[in-house]
Protein backbone atom coordinates (compact mmCIF):
# COMPACT_ATOMS: atom_id res chain seq x y z
CA MET A 1 -67.19 99.76 131.31
CA ASP A 2 -66.27 102.60 128.94
CA ASP A 3 -64.99 100.41 126.08
CA ASN A 4 -65.89 97.23 124.26
CA PHE A 5 -63.08 94.92 125.31
CA PRO A 6 -62.45 91.81 123.17
CA ASN A 7 -62.58 88.21 124.35
CA GLY A 8 -59.08 86.88 124.96
CA TYR A 9 -56.02 87.46 127.12
CA LEU A 10 -55.51 91.23 127.29
CA ASN A 11 -51.93 92.31 127.88
CA TYR A 12 -51.77 95.81 126.53
CA LEU A 13 -51.92 99.50 127.39
CA GLU A 14 -55.42 100.96 127.20
CA PHE A 15 -54.92 104.46 125.83
CA HIS A 16 -57.76 106.82 124.92
CA LYS A 17 -56.65 109.46 122.44
CA LEU A 18 -58.10 112.91 123.12
CA THR A 19 -56.11 115.73 121.54
CA HIS A 20 -52.66 114.10 121.50
CA ASN A 21 -51.15 110.78 120.46
CA TYR A 22 -49.43 108.51 122.95
CA VAL A 23 -45.90 109.72 123.73
CA ASP A 24 -43.44 106.85 123.53
CA GLU A 25 -40.47 107.40 125.86
CA GLY A 26 -39.24 103.80 125.71
CA ILE A 27 -40.73 103.11 129.15
CA PRO A 28 -42.74 99.85 129.30
CA ALA A 29 -46.38 100.12 130.33
CA ILE A 30 -46.45 96.32 130.86
CA LEU A 31 -43.11 94.57 131.36
CA GLY A 32 -42.13 90.90 131.38
CA SER A 33 -45.49 89.09 131.05
CA ILE A 34 -45.54 85.29 130.69
CA ILE A 35 -48.73 84.01 129.07
CA GLN A 36 -48.44 80.21 129.10
CA ASN A 37 -50.55 77.04 128.96
CA ASN A 38 -53.84 78.78 128.17
CA SER A 39 -56.83 77.92 125.99
CA ALA A 40 -58.78 80.38 123.86
CA THR A 41 -62.26 79.31 122.69
CA ASN A 42 -64.52 81.23 120.31
CA CYS A 43 -62.27 84.28 120.16
CA ASP A 44 -61.11 86.40 117.24
CA ASN A 45 -57.62 86.43 118.77
CA ALA A 46 -56.21 84.58 121.79
CA VAL A 47 -53.76 87.21 123.07
CA TYR A 48 -53.88 90.99 122.61
CA LEU A 49 -50.70 93.07 122.75
CA ASN A 50 -49.78 96.59 121.70
CA SER A 51 -47.02 99.21 121.75
CA GLY A 52 -47.06 99.43 125.55
CA THR A 53 -46.18 95.72 125.96
CA TYR A 54 -42.50 94.91 126.51
CA ASN A 55 -40.68 91.53 126.82
CA ALA A 56 -43.81 89.35 126.76
CA VAL A 57 -43.56 85.57 126.29
CA VAL A 58 -46.52 83.66 124.80
CA CYS A 59 -46.33 79.85 125.05
CA ASN A 60 -48.52 76.79 124.62
CA THR A 61 -51.80 78.44 123.68
CA SER A 62 -54.54 76.03 122.67
CA LEU A 63 -56.87 77.49 120.02
CA VAL A 64 -60.48 76.29 119.74
CA ASN A 65 -62.52 78.07 117.08
CA THR A 66 -60.11 80.99 117.40
CA ALA A 67 -58.63 82.56 114.29
CA ASN A 68 -55.30 83.95 115.53
CA SER A 69 -52.91 83.37 118.40
CA ILE A 70 -51.74 86.97 118.76
CA LYS A 71 -53.05 90.38 117.70
CA ASP A 72 -50.34 93.00 118.12
CA LYS A 73 -51.50 96.62 117.66
CA THR A 74 -49.47 99.76 116.96
CA LEU A 75 -50.76 102.78 118.88
CA GLN A 76 -51.60 105.79 116.73
CA GLY A 77 -48.60 108.02 116.13
CA LEU A 78 -46.00 105.30 116.85
CA ASN A 79 -43.96 103.13 114.49
CA HIS A 80 -43.80 99.91 116.52
CA ALA A 81 -46.15 97.39 118.07
CA SER A 82 -45.05 95.32 121.11
CA VAL A 83 -41.33 95.24 121.89
CA HIS A 84 -39.25 92.04 122.24
CA THR A 85 -42.22 89.66 122.24
CA SER A 86 -41.22 86.00 121.94
CA THR A 87 -43.16 82.78 121.41
CA CYS A 88 -42.47 79.10 122.01
CA ALA A 89 -44.03 75.81 120.91
CA ASP A 90 -47.81 75.80 120.86
CA ALA A 91 -49.53 72.79 122.44
CA THR A 92 -51.80 72.11 119.48
CA THR A 93 -50.49 73.98 116.46
CA GLY A 94 -46.69 74.03 116.80
CA GLN A 95 -44.70 77.21 116.48
CA LEU A 96 -46.22 80.37 115.06
CA PRO A 97 -45.67 81.14 111.39
CA LEU A 98 -43.13 83.73 110.34
CA ALA A 99 -43.60 86.69 107.98
CA ASP A 100 -40.45 87.74 106.13
CA PRO A 101 -39.20 91.32 106.64
CA LYS A 102 -38.51 92.96 103.27
CA THR A 103 -36.92 96.01 101.69
CA ASN A 104 -38.16 96.75 98.19
CA LEU A 105 -36.04 98.15 95.36
CA PRO A 106 -36.08 101.97 95.36
CA ILE A 107 -39.02 103.62 93.60
CA PRO A 108 -38.88 107.18 92.16
CA SER A 109 -41.59 109.42 93.61
CA SER A 110 -42.82 110.09 90.06
CA ALA A 111 -43.14 106.40 89.16
CA GLY A 112 -46.88 106.03 89.71
CA LEU A 113 -48.40 102.67 90.65
CA THR A 114 -45.51 100.18 91.02
CA ARG A 115 -45.61 96.45 91.75
CA LEU A 116 -43.75 95.43 94.95
CA LEU A 117 -41.84 92.32 95.92
CA PRO A 118 -44.22 89.46 96.84
CA LEU A 119 -45.33 88.94 100.43
CA THR A 120 -43.77 85.75 101.79
CA GLY A 121 -43.58 83.73 104.97
CA SER A 122 -43.14 80.25 106.39
CA ALA A 123 -44.75 78.00 108.98
CA PRO A 124 -43.61 74.75 110.63
CA SER A 125 -47.19 73.48 110.96
CA GLY A 126 -48.29 73.79 107.34
CA PRO A 127 -48.29 76.13 104.33
CA ILE A 128 -48.93 79.86 104.45
CA THR A 129 -52.44 80.48 103.13
CA ALA A 130 -52.84 84.25 103.49
CA PHE A 131 -51.35 87.50 104.79
CA ALA A 132 -52.89 90.31 106.84
CA ILE A 133 -51.91 93.97 106.43
CA SER A 134 -51.64 95.12 110.06
CA LYS A 135 -50.26 98.60 109.44
CA LEU A 136 -50.49 100.89 106.39
CA PRO A 137 -47.87 103.34 105.09
CA SER A 138 -48.31 106.92 106.24
CA VAL A 139 -50.78 108.90 104.14
CA THR A 140 -48.03 111.39 103.26
CA SER A 141 -45.86 108.68 101.67
CA GLY A 142 -48.43 107.08 99.36
CA VAL A 143 -51.12 104.42 98.98
CA LEU A 144 -50.91 100.63 99.02
CA TYR A 145 -52.94 98.66 96.45
CA ILE A 146 -53.92 95.15 95.39
CA LYS A 147 -53.93 95.55 91.63
CA GLU A 148 -55.83 98.86 91.36
CA THR A 149 -57.82 98.64 94.61
CA PRO A 150 -56.57 100.56 97.68
CA ILE A 151 -55.79 98.36 100.69
CA ALA A 152 -57.41 99.10 104.06
CA LYS A 153 -55.90 98.26 107.43
CA ASP A 154 -56.41 94.60 108.47
CA THR A 155 -57.07 93.57 104.86
CA VAL A 156 -56.46 89.84 104.34
CA VAL A 157 -54.39 89.16 101.22
CA SER A 158 -54.83 85.68 99.77
CA ILE A 159 -51.79 83.67 98.77
CA ASP A 160 -52.78 84.20 95.12
CA GLN A 161 -52.67 87.97 95.64
CA ALA A 162 -49.33 88.02 97.48
CA ALA A 163 -47.46 89.01 94.30
CA LEU A 164 -50.07 91.61 93.26
CA VAL A 165 -49.44 94.23 95.95
CA SER A 166 -48.46 97.63 94.52
CA PHE A 167 -47.58 101.05 95.88
CA GLN A 168 -48.20 104.52 94.49
CA PRO A 169 -45.85 107.06 96.10
CA SER A 170 -46.89 110.64 96.69
CA LEU A 171 -45.40 112.86 94.01
CA ASN A 172 -43.09 114.99 96.19
CA TYR A 173 -42.33 112.42 98.92
CA THR A 174 -38.84 111.00 99.48
CA GLY A 175 -37.78 108.68 102.28
CA LYS A 176 -39.08 105.29 103.42
CA ALA A 177 -42.67 104.14 103.21
CA ASN A 178 -43.25 101.28 105.66
CA PHE A 179 -46.13 98.92 106.20
CA ALA A 180 -46.47 95.78 108.34
CA TYR A 181 -47.96 92.42 107.49
CA SER A 182 -48.47 89.04 109.17
CA ALA A 183 -48.43 85.54 107.71
CA ILE A 184 -51.34 83.16 108.37
CA ASP A 185 -50.89 79.39 108.17
CA SER A 186 -53.37 76.66 107.22
CA LYS A 187 -54.52 76.31 110.85
CA GLY A 188 -55.31 80.01 111.23
CA ASN A 189 -52.25 80.89 113.30
CA SER A 190 -50.96 84.41 112.64
CA SER A 191 -47.33 85.48 112.86
CA LEU A 192 -46.03 88.59 114.55
CA PRO A 193 -45.94 91.55 112.14
CA ALA A 194 -42.96 91.99 109.81
CA THR A 195 -41.95 95.34 108.33
CA PHE A 196 -42.02 95.90 104.57
CA SER A 197 -39.90 98.95 103.72
CA ILE A 198 -40.15 100.85 100.42
CA PRO A 199 -37.38 103.40 99.69
CA ILE A 200 -38.82 106.36 97.76
CA ILE A 201 -36.21 108.40 95.88
CA SER A 202 -36.23 111.63 93.90
CA PRO A 203 -37.05 111.21 90.21
CA PRO A 204 -34.11 111.37 87.78
CA PRO A 205 -33.37 114.87 86.43
CA SER A 206 -35.02 115.76 83.14
CA ASN A 207 -32.87 116.26 80.00
CA LYS A 208 -32.13 119.95 79.65
CA TYR A 209 -31.11 119.65 76.00
CA ASN A 210 -34.14 120.18 73.79
CA SER A 211 -32.43 120.37 70.40
CA PRO A 212 -30.20 117.82 68.63
CA LEU A 213 -26.47 118.30 68.64
CA LYS A 214 -24.93 118.12 65.19
CA LEU A 215 -21.29 117.69 64.29
CA ILE A 216 -20.00 117.98 60.75
CA ALA A 217 -16.54 116.72 59.82
CA GLN A 218 -15.01 116.93 56.36
CA THR A 219 -12.29 114.60 55.13
CA HIS A 220 -10.41 115.23 51.87
CA PHE A 221 -8.74 112.51 49.79
CA TYR A 222 -6.00 113.31 47.24
CA ILE A 223 -4.67 111.12 44.39
CA GLY A 224 -1.01 111.64 43.44
CA LYS A 225 1.25 114.49 44.50
CA GLN A 226 -0.67 117.19 42.69
CA PRO A 227 -4.12 115.81 42.19
CA PRO A 228 -6.06 117.17 39.27
CA LYS A 229 -9.16 116.97 41.34
CA ARG A 230 -10.17 116.69 44.93
CA MET A 231 -12.65 114.21 46.31
CA SER A 232 -14.33 115.26 49.50
CA SER A 233 -16.62 113.37 51.86
CA THR A 234 -18.68 114.62 54.73
CA LEU A 235 -19.51 112.79 57.97
CA ARG A 236 -22.59 114.04 59.74
CA CYS A 237 -23.14 113.06 63.37
CA SER A 238 -26.40 113.87 65.13
CA ALA A 239 -26.85 113.30 68.88
CA VAL A 240 -30.41 113.71 70.09
CA SER A 241 -31.76 113.93 73.63
CA THR A 242 -32.53 110.21 73.76
CA GLY A 243 -28.82 109.47 73.72
CA PHE A 244 -28.82 107.72 70.33
CA ILE A 245 -26.27 108.80 67.71
CA SER A 246 -26.91 108.59 63.99
CA LEU A 247 -24.10 108.75 61.37
CA GLN A 248 -24.47 109.81 57.74
CA TRP A 249 -21.63 109.63 55.19
CA SER A 250 -21.87 111.37 51.81
CA ASN A 251 -19.39 111.96 48.95
């Protein structure tokens, strides 16, 4: 044995990275597995999948002192875990919970630490009690936080912290920053990962006008056809870089 294999039903590609990441050509390493009517006792996870697993079906798994039904891993250098995995009713816990895919509002790359939309999910067998961060954004895009603490991979986020997840984009990065998270229900069942996408946009251009713009208009009022005197008034208009306009009227 050249690796420490976990306890559970292993249905994944075993890939040992040397000098190169796994090259994904869309060709299944494991295709069409049916994992049904099984029992997992004293395991961290019942079923293990990863990016090399295609079209797997996991049904009726009985969990005894086992935290999660499925652990689905993304191989290093890829942007997806297992492909087209489906589940059906579980013999003891009902259907798996569901984590909600999300796309955040765009964030300028110069924004600094910015609060994200809350993590959410649902479960037919009870309330969602926590979330697990299964994949982090790329290091070039930025850093994910809970409040002001960086989040590590596989961090469990309590339901009270679900609205406290923030992201700090890298200063010169534009594009999408993606991470994945799973929902965990009250019985310890974990959903398949859902993608949380954060659009990072260029910061707005800075104001190139450094000095106020001033406009002076003079209006003359005459009394009678040949006025003995002339009354003049001056309107002063100042537009500063903030966009506010101030008016001053003097006689």
